[in-house]
C-alpha atoms as a PDB file:
ATOM      1  CA  UNK A   1     -68.252 -11.304 -74.129  1.00  0.00           C
ATOM      2  CA  UNK A   2     -65.295  -9.108 -72.792  1.00  0.00           C
ATOM      3  CA  UNK A   3     -64.394  -9.586 -69.182  1.00  0.00           C
ATOM      4  CA  UNK A   4     -65.175  -5.980 -68.278  1.00  0.00           C
ATOM      5  CA  UNK A   5     -68.640  -6.116 -69.980  1.00  0.00           C
ATOM      6  CA  UNK A   6     -69.394  -9.524 -68.129  1.00  0.00           C
ATOM      7  CA  UNK A   7     -68.486  -8.088 -64.704  1.00  0.00           C
ATOM      8  CA  UNK A   8     -70.592  -4.868 -65.342  1.00  0.00           C
ATOM      9  CA  UNK A   9     -73.611  -6.912 -66.631  1.00  0.00           C
ATOM     10  CA  UNK A  10     -73.599  -9.534 -63.725  1.00  0.00           C
ATOM     11  CA  UNK A  11     -76.530  -9.195 -61.305  1.00  0.00           C
ATOM     12  CA  UNK A  12     -78.375 -11.699 -59.096  1.00  0.00           C
ATOM     13  CA  UNK A  13     -81.177 -13.548 -61.025  1.00  0.00           C
ATOM     14  CA  UNK A  14     -83.965 -15.251 -59.013  1.00  0.00           C
ATOM     15  CA  UNK A  15     -86.626 -15.718 -61.630  1.00  0.00           C
ATOM     16  CA  UNK A  16     -85.897 -18.125 -64.552  1.00  0.00           C
ATOM     17  CA  UNK A  17     -87.735 -19.486 -67.594  1.00  0.00           C
ATOM     18  CA  UNK A  18     -88.484 -23.145 -67.703  1.00  0.00           C
ATOM     19  CA  UNK A  19     -85.715 -23.732 -70.330  1.00  0.00           C
ATOM     20  CA  UNK A  20     -83.348 -26.366 -69.111  1.00  0.00           C
ATOM     21  CA  UNK A  21     -79.494 -25.972 -68.769  1.00  0.00           C
ATOM     22  CA  UNK A  22     -77.683 -28.650 -70.796  1.00  0.00           C
ATOM     23  CA  UNK A  23     -75.403 -30.995 -68.866  1.00  0.00           C
ATOM     24  CA  UNK A  24     -72.361 -29.870 -70.892  1.00  0.00           C
ATOM     25  CA  UNK A  25     -73.093 -26.198 -69.964  1.00  0.00           C
ATOM     26  CA  UNK A  26     -73.235 -27.111 -66.231  1.00  0.00           C
ATOM     27  CA  UNK A  27     -69.953 -29.021 -66.598  1.00  0.00           C
ATOM     28  CA  UNK A  28     -68.404 -25.854 -68.244  1.00  0.00           C
ATOM     29  CA  UNK A  29     -69.601 -23.728 -65.430  1.00  0.00           C
ATOM     30  CA  UNK A  30     -68.030 -26.062 -62.891  1.00  0.00           C
ATOM     31  CA  UNK A  31     -64.844 -26.331 -64.897  1.00  0.00           C
ATOM     32  CA  UNK A  32     -64.374 -22.577 -64.798  1.00  0.00           C
ATOM     33  CA  UNK A  33     -65.245 -22.514 -61.087  1.00  0.00           C
ATOM     34  CA  UNK A  34     -62.397 -25.062 -60.533  1.00  0.00           C
ATOM     35  CA  UNK A  35     -59.954 -22.644 -62.283  1.00  0.00           C
ATOM     36  CA  UNK A  36     -60.243 -20.214 -59.404  1.00  0.00           C
ATOM     37  CA  UNK A  37     -57.281 -19.577 -56.928  1.00  0.00           C
ATOM     38  CA  UNK A  38     -57.471 -21.590 -53.762  1.00  0.00           C
ATOM     39  CA  UNK A  39     -55.346 -21.541 -50.647  1.00  0.00           C
ATOM     40  CA  UNK A  40     -52.022 -23.434 -51.535  1.00  0.00           C
ATOM     41  CA  UNK A  41     -53.816 -24.565 -54.717  1.00  0.00           C
ATOM     42  CA  UNK A  42     -55.540 -27.093 -52.519  1.00  0.00           C
ATOM     43  CA  UNK A  43     -58.782 -27.076 -54.583  1.00  0.00           C
ATOM     44  CA  UNK A  44     -60.836 -28.379 -51.727  1.00  0.00           C
ATOM     45  CA  UNK A  45     -64.113 -28.377 -53.671  1.00  0.00           C
ATOM     46  CA  UNK A  46     -66.576 -30.561 -55.535  1.00  0.00           C
ATOM     47  CA  UNK A  47     -69.759 -29.437 -57.238  1.00  0.00           C
ATOM     48  CA  UNK A  48     -73.189 -31.286 -57.298  1.00  0.00           C
ATOM     49  CA  UNK A  49     -75.580 -30.178 -60.042  1.00  0.00           C
ATOM     50  CA  UNK A  50     -79.212 -30.743 -59.370  1.00  0.00           C
ATOM     51  CA  UNK A  51     -81.886 -30.478 -62.013  1.00  0.00           C
ATOM     52  CA  UNK A  52     -84.343 -32.983 -60.533  1.00  0.00           C
ATOM     53  CA  UNK A  53     -87.500 -31.083 -59.463  1.00  0.00           C
ATOM     54  CA  UNK A  54     -88.435 -33.430 -56.768  1.00  0.00           C
ATOM     55  CA  UNK A  55     -85.071 -33.149 -55.198  1.00  0.00           C
ATOM     56  CA  UNK A  56     -85.100 -29.326 -55.420  1.00  0.00           C
ATOM     57  CA  UNK A  57     -88.594 -29.337 -53.792  1.00  0.00           C
ATOM     58  CA  UNK A  58     -87.390 -31.526 -50.954  1.00  0.00           C
ATOM     59  CA  UNK A  59     -84.525 -29.232 -50.302  1.00  0.00           C
ATOM     60  CA  UNK A  60     -86.772 -26.169 -50.381  1.00  0.00           C
ATOM     61  CA  UNK A  61     -89.069 -27.862 -47.889  1.00  0.00           C
ATOM     62  CA  UNK A  62     -86.259 -28.532 -45.476  1.00  0.00           C
ATOM     63  CA  UNK A  63     -85.073 -24.895 -45.687  1.00  0.00           C
ATOM     64  CA  UNK A  64     -88.673 -23.726 -45.094  1.00  0.00           C
ATOM     65  CA  UNK A  65     -89.048 -25.856 -42.134  1.00  0.00           C
ATOM     66  CA  UNK A  66     -85.799 -24.588 -40.524  1.00  0.00           C
ATOM     67  CA  UNK A  67     -86.754 -20.942 -41.091  1.00  0.00           C
ATOM     68  CA  UNK A  68     -90.113 -21.623 -39.469  1.00  0.00           C
ATOM     69  CA  UNK A  69     -88.396 -23.140 -36.384  1.00  0.00           C
ATOM     70  CA  UNK A  70     -86.452 -19.864 -35.812  1.00  0.00           C
ATOM     71  CA  UNK A  71     -87.553 -18.095 -32.596  1.00  0.00           C
ATOM     72  CA  UNK A  72     -89.385 -14.808 -33.385  1.00  0.00           C
ATOM     73  CA  UNK A  73     -88.596 -11.728 -31.474  1.00  0.00           C
ATOM     74  CA  UNK A  74     -91.316  -9.289 -30.260  1.00  0.00           C
ATOM     75  CA  UNK A  75     -91.203  -7.020 -33.225  1.00  0.00           C
ATOM     76  CA  UNK A  76     -94.378  -6.315 -35.293  1.00  0.00           C
ATOM     77  CA  UNK A  77     -92.382  -7.116 -38.468  1.00  0.00           C
ATOM     78  CA  UNK A  78     -91.070 -10.515 -37.219  1.00  0.00           C
ATOM     79  CA  UNK A  79     -93.524 -12.677 -39.316  1.00  0.00           C
ATOM     80  CA  UNK A  80     -93.122 -10.634 -42.414  1.00  0.00           C
ATOM     81  CA  UNK A  81     -89.314 -10.713 -42.009  1.00  0.00           C
ATOM     82  CA  UNK A  82     -89.274 -14.505 -41.753  1.00  0.00           C
ATOM     83  CA  UNK A  83     -91.624 -14.765 -44.744  1.00  0.00           C
ATOM     84  CA  UNK A  84     -89.373 -12.639 -46.910  1.00  0.00           C
ATOM     85  CA  UNK A  85     -86.272 -14.550 -45.885  1.00  0.00           C
ATOM     86  CA  UNK A  86     -87.981 -17.781 -46.657  1.00  0.00           C
ATOM     87  CA  UNK A  87     -88.691 -16.705 -50.240  1.00  0.00           C
ATOM     88  CA  UNK A  88     -85.101 -15.605 -50.786  1.00  0.00           C
ATOM     89  CA  UNK A  89     -83.900 -18.853 -49.317  1.00  0.00           C
ATOM     90  CA  UNK A  90     -86.060 -21.170 -51.329  1.00  0.00           C
ATOM     91  CA  UNK A  91     -86.581 -19.606 -54.786  1.00  0.00           C
ATOM     92  CA  UNK A  92     -83.969 -22.070 -56.045  1.00  0.00           C
ATOM     93  CA  UNK A  93     -86.767 -24.656 -56.173  1.00  0.00           C
ATOM     94  CA  UNK A  94     -87.943 -23.045 -59.355  1.00  0.00           C
ATOM     95  CA  UNK A  95     -84.541 -22.771 -61.082  1.00  0.00           C
ATOM     96  CA  UNK A  96     -83.746 -25.095 -63.964  1.00  0.00           C
ATOM     97  CA  UNK A  97     -80.462 -26.073 -62.093  1.00  0.00           C
ATOM     98  CA  UNK A  98     -78.843 -25.625 -58.841  1.00  0.00           C
ATOM     99  CA  UNK A  99     -75.105 -26.210 -58.378  1.00  0.00           C
ATOM    100  CA  UNK A 100     -74.205 -27.113 -54.769  1.00  0.00           C
ATOM    101  CA  UNK A 101     -70.557 -26.486 -53.749  1.00  0.00           C
ATOM    102  CA  UNK A 102     -69.107 -28.868 -51.089  1.00  0.00           C
ATOM    103  CA  UNK A 103     -65.563 -28.577 -49.635  1.00  0.00           C
ATOM    104  CA  UNK A 104     -63.237 -30.435 -47.488  1.00  0.00           C
ATOM    105  CA  UNK A 105     -61.181 -28.580 -44.732  1.00  0.00           C
ATOM    106  CA  UNK A 106     -57.791 -27.296 -45.699  1.00  0.00           C
ATOM    107  CA  UNK A 107     -55.036 -28.552 -43.465  1.00  0.00           C
ATOM    108  CA  UNK A 108     -52.507 -25.770 -43.132  1.00  0.00           C
ATOM    109  CA  UNK A 109     -48.781 -26.520 -42.690  1.00  0.00           C
ATOM    110  CA  UNK A 110     -48.991 -24.516 -39.493  1.00  0.00           C
ATOM    111  CA  UNK A 111     -51.121 -27.319 -37.960  1.00  0.00           C
ATOM    112  CA  UNK A 112     -48.082 -29.611 -38.031  1.00  0.00           C
ATOM    113  CA  UNK A 113     -45.954 -27.147 -36.141  1.00  0.00           C
ATOM    114  CA  UNK A 114     -47.968 -25.195 -33.555  1.00  0.00           C
ATOM    115  CA  UNK A 115     -50.351 -26.031 -30.753  1.00  0.00           C
ATOM    116  CA  UNK A 116     -53.460 -24.476 -32.398  1.00  0.00           C
ATOM    117  CA  UNK A 117     -56.471 -26.172 -33.791  1.00  0.00           C
ATOM    118  CA  UNK A 118     -57.622 -26.024 -37.355  1.00  0.00           C
ATOM    119  CA  UNK A 119     -60.411 -23.595 -36.355  1.00  0.00           C
ATOM    120  CA  UNK A 120     -58.051 -21.343 -34.559  1.00  0.00           C
ATOM    121  CA  UNK A 121     -55.490 -21.232 -37.382  1.00  0.00           C
ATOM    122  CA  UNK A 122     -58.387 -20.645 -39.892  1.00  0.00           C
ATOM    123  CA  UNK A 123     -59.625 -17.702 -37.950  1.00  0.00           C
ATOM    124  CA  UNK A 124     -56.092 -16.273 -37.648  1.00  0.00           C
ATOM    125  CA  UNK A 125     -55.744 -16.438 -41.379  1.00  0.00           C
ATOM    126  CA  UNK A 126     -59.159 -14.868 -41.894  1.00  0.00           C
ATOM    127  CA  UNK A 127     -60.862 -18.020 -43.248  1.00  0.00           C
ATOM    128  CA  UNK A 128     -58.879 -18.945 -46.423  1.00  0.00           C
ATOM    129  CA  UNK A 129     -61.312 -21.812 -46.942  1.00  0.00           C
ATOM    130  CA  UNK A 130     -64.154 -19.390 -47.454  1.00  0.00           C
ATOM    131  CA  UNK A 131     -62.093 -16.984 -49.417  1.00  0.00           C
ATOM    132  CA  UNK A 132     -61.285 -19.908 -51.799  1.00  0.00           C
ATOM    133  CA  UNK A 133     -64.934 -20.796 -52.140  1.00  0.00           C
ATOM    134  CA  UNK A 134     -65.887 -17.188 -52.924  1.00  0.00           C
ATOM    135  CA  UNK A 135     -63.295 -17.034 -55.708  1.00  0.00           C
ATOM    136  CA  UNK A 136     -64.659 -20.280 -57.312  1.00  0.00           C
ATOM    137  CA  UNK A 137     -68.313 -19.100 -57.012  1.00  0.00           C
ATOM    138  CA  UNK A 138     -67.424 -15.738 -58.573  1.00  0.00           C
ATOM    139  CA  UNK A 139     -65.927 -17.500 -61.542  1.00  0.00           C
ATOM    140  CA  UNK A 140     -69.154 -19.441 -61.889  1.00  0.00           C
ATOM    141  CA  UNK A 141     -71.337 -16.302 -61.687  1.00  0.00           C
ATOM    142  CA  UNK A 142     -69.346 -14.434 -64.292  1.00  0.00           C
ATOM    143  CA  UNK A 143     -69.220 -17.536 -66.502  1.00  0.00           C
ATOM    144  CA  UNK A 144     -73.019 -17.784 -66.348  1.00  0.00           C
ATOM    145  CA  UNK A 145     -73.388 -14.316 -67.708  1.00  0.00           C
ATOM    146  CA  UNK A 146     -70.706 -14.983 -70.416  1.00  0.00           C
ATOM    147  CA  UNK A 147     -72.635 -18.109 -71.452  1.00  0.00           C
ATOM    148  CA  UNK A 148     -76.074 -16.297 -71.620  1.00  0.00           C
ATOM    149  CA  UNK A 149     -77.499 -17.521 -68.259  1.00  0.00           C
ATOM    150  CA  UNK A 150     -78.400 -15.790 -65.065  1.00  0.00           C
ATOM    151  CA  UNK A 151     -77.323 -16.949 -61.715  1.00  0.00           C
ATOM    152  CA  UNK A 152     -77.616 -16.260 -58.044  1.00  0.00           C
ATOM    153  CA  UNK A 153     -75.368 -17.193 -55.055  1.00  0.00           C
ATOM    154  CA  UNK A 154     -77.269 -18.443 -52.080  1.00  0.00           C
ATOM    155  CA  UNK A 155     -76.013 -18.895 -48.552  1.00  0.00           C
ATOM    156  CA  UNK A 156     -79.392 -18.680 -46.651  1.00  0.00           C
ATOM    157  CA  UNK A 157     -80.289 -22.334 -47.439  1.00  0.00           C
ATOM    158  CA  UNK A 158     -77.246 -23.401 -45.366  1.00  0.00           C
ATOM    159  CA  UNK A 159     -79.473 -22.842 -42.329  1.00  0.00           C
ATOM    160  CA  UNK A 160     -80.697 -26.329 -43.146  1.00  0.00           C
ATOM    161  CA  UNK A 161     -77.186 -27.641 -43.989  1.00  0.00           C
ATOM    162  CA  UNK A 162     -77.545 -30.967 -42.218  1.00  0.00           C
ATOM    163  CA  UNK A 163     -80.711 -31.950 -43.873  1.00  0.00           C
ATOM    164  CA  UNK A 164     -79.556 -30.712 -47.293  1.00  0.00           C
ATOM    165  CA  UNK A 165     -76.337 -32.755 -46.937  1.00  0.00           C
ATOM    166  CA  UNK A 166     -78.398 -35.967 -46.351  1.00  0.00           C
ATOM    167  CA  UNK A 167     -80.528 -35.176 -49.424  1.00  0.00           C
ATOM    168  CA  UNK A 168     -77.449 -34.666 -51.553  1.00  0.00           C
ATOM    169  CA  UNK A 169     -75.584 -37.632 -50.029  1.00  0.00           C
ATOM    170  CA  UNK A 170     -72.604 -35.399 -48.965  1.00  0.00           C
ATOM    171  CA  UNK A 171     -70.183 -37.448 -46.954  1.00  0.00           C
ATOM    172  CA  UNK A 172     -67.137 -36.625 -44.831  1.00  0.00           C
ATOM    173  CA  UNK A 173     -64.714 -35.037 -45.260  1.00  0.00           C
ATOM    174  CA  UNK A 174     -66.889 -32.832 -47.449  1.00  0.00           C
ATOM    175  CA  UNK A 175     -69.467 -30.286 -46.183  1.00  0.00           C
ATOM    176  CA  UNK A 176     -71.945 -28.003 -47.933  1.00  0.00           C
ATOM    177  CA  UNK A 177     -70.838 -24.478 -48.535  1.00  0.00           C
ATOM    178  CA  UNK A 178     -73.286 -22.731 -50.789  1.00  0.00           C
ATOM    179  CA  UNK A 179     -75.779 -23.031 -53.710  1.00  0.00           C
ATOM    180  CA  UNK A 180     -75.755 -21.344 -57.130  1.00  0.00           C
ATOM    181  CA  UNK A 181     -79.041 -21.248 -58.958  1.00  0.00           C
ATOM    182  CA  UNK A 182     -78.682 -21.150 -62.717  1.00  0.00           C
ATOM    183  CA  UNK A 183     -80.988 -20.729 -65.742  1.00  0.00           C
ATOM    184  CA  UNK A 184     -82.228 -18.377 -68.493  1.00  0.00           C
ATOM    185  CA  UNK A 185     -83.509 -15.133 -66.922  1.00  0.00           C
ATOM    186  CA  UNK A 186     -87.187 -14.660 -67.184  1.00  0.00           C
ATOM    187  CA  UNK A 187     -86.529 -11.029 -67.905  1.00  0.00           C
ATOM    188  CA  UNK A 188     -83.433  -8.841 -68.218  1.00  0.00           C
ATOM    189  CA  UNK A 189     -82.541  -7.004 -65.151  1.00  0.00           C
ATOM    190  CA  UNK A 190     -80.187  -4.067 -64.814  1.00  0.00           C
ATOM    191  CA  UNK A 191     -77.370  -4.518 -62.345  1.00  0.00           C
ATOM    192  CA  UNK A 192     -77.973  -2.786 -58.915  1.00  0.00           C
ATOM    193  CA  UNK A 193     -76.054   0.414 -58.352  1.00  0.00           C
ATOM    194  CA  UNK A 194     -72.705   0.087 -56.642  1.00  0.00           C
ATOM    195  CA  UNK A 195     -70.691   2.458 -54.585  1.00  0.00           C
ATOM    196  CA  UNK A 196     -68.459   4.910 -56.566  1.00  0.00           C
ATOM    197  CA  UNK A 197     -64.743   4.261 -56.913  1.00  0.00           C
ATOM    198  CA  UNK A 198     -63.826   7.264 -54.737  1.00  0.00           C
ATOM    199  CA  UNK A 199     -65.887   5.726 -51.840  1.00  0.00           C
ATOM    200  CA  UNK A 200     -64.232   2.302 -51.869  1.00  0.00           C
ATOM    201  CA  UNK A 201     -60.604   3.138 -53.053  1.00  0.00           C
ATOM    202  CA  UNK A 202     -57.776   4.366 -50.889  1.00  0.00           C
ATOM    203  CA  UNK A 203     -54.091   4.784 -51.914  1.00  0.00           C
ATOM    204  CA  UNK A 204     -51.214   4.720 -49.465  1.00  0.00           C
ATOM    205  CA  UNK A 205     -48.156   6.110 -51.248  1.00  0.00           C
END
């Protein structure tokens, strides 16, 4: 599939068939993710693919528990909002595969020469760690389309990050960043409409 067609076809898929994703395809998705640019080519990432239904269920339960613990405000919609968020944060339980991205902190050269913490420098540079993560995940999402799969990038489960890290046996210096759910789409979805180019483009000559 041509790159332009892949980009235009990509959309978030949250409902999948029961067809499994072969290990070699999971490895290929991760290989392509690892080709993404990263700050100073540090490549701070590792990827954990999960296809075990019991493990996926345990992770979903931890996410649900965390959402239920969130204090509700006084709005009438509060319970409905939490219920909706819970579904969007746990649908990965029914995906044939979930790829968890973990990263270690990038130590900037600046940290060796200035009296600023890693967090302060990271903020000044507008979080190059997260920008690197986003590039790798986008590679994975586009590759999923190219390989005939559907995928969805999830950040909501990170509300239960500590519990999920224990289940996945993530150890220092790595920490959990995001999930990507992958599988064959249960039905074909049209990509959502995007803002027109004239609304998002500005030229300074």
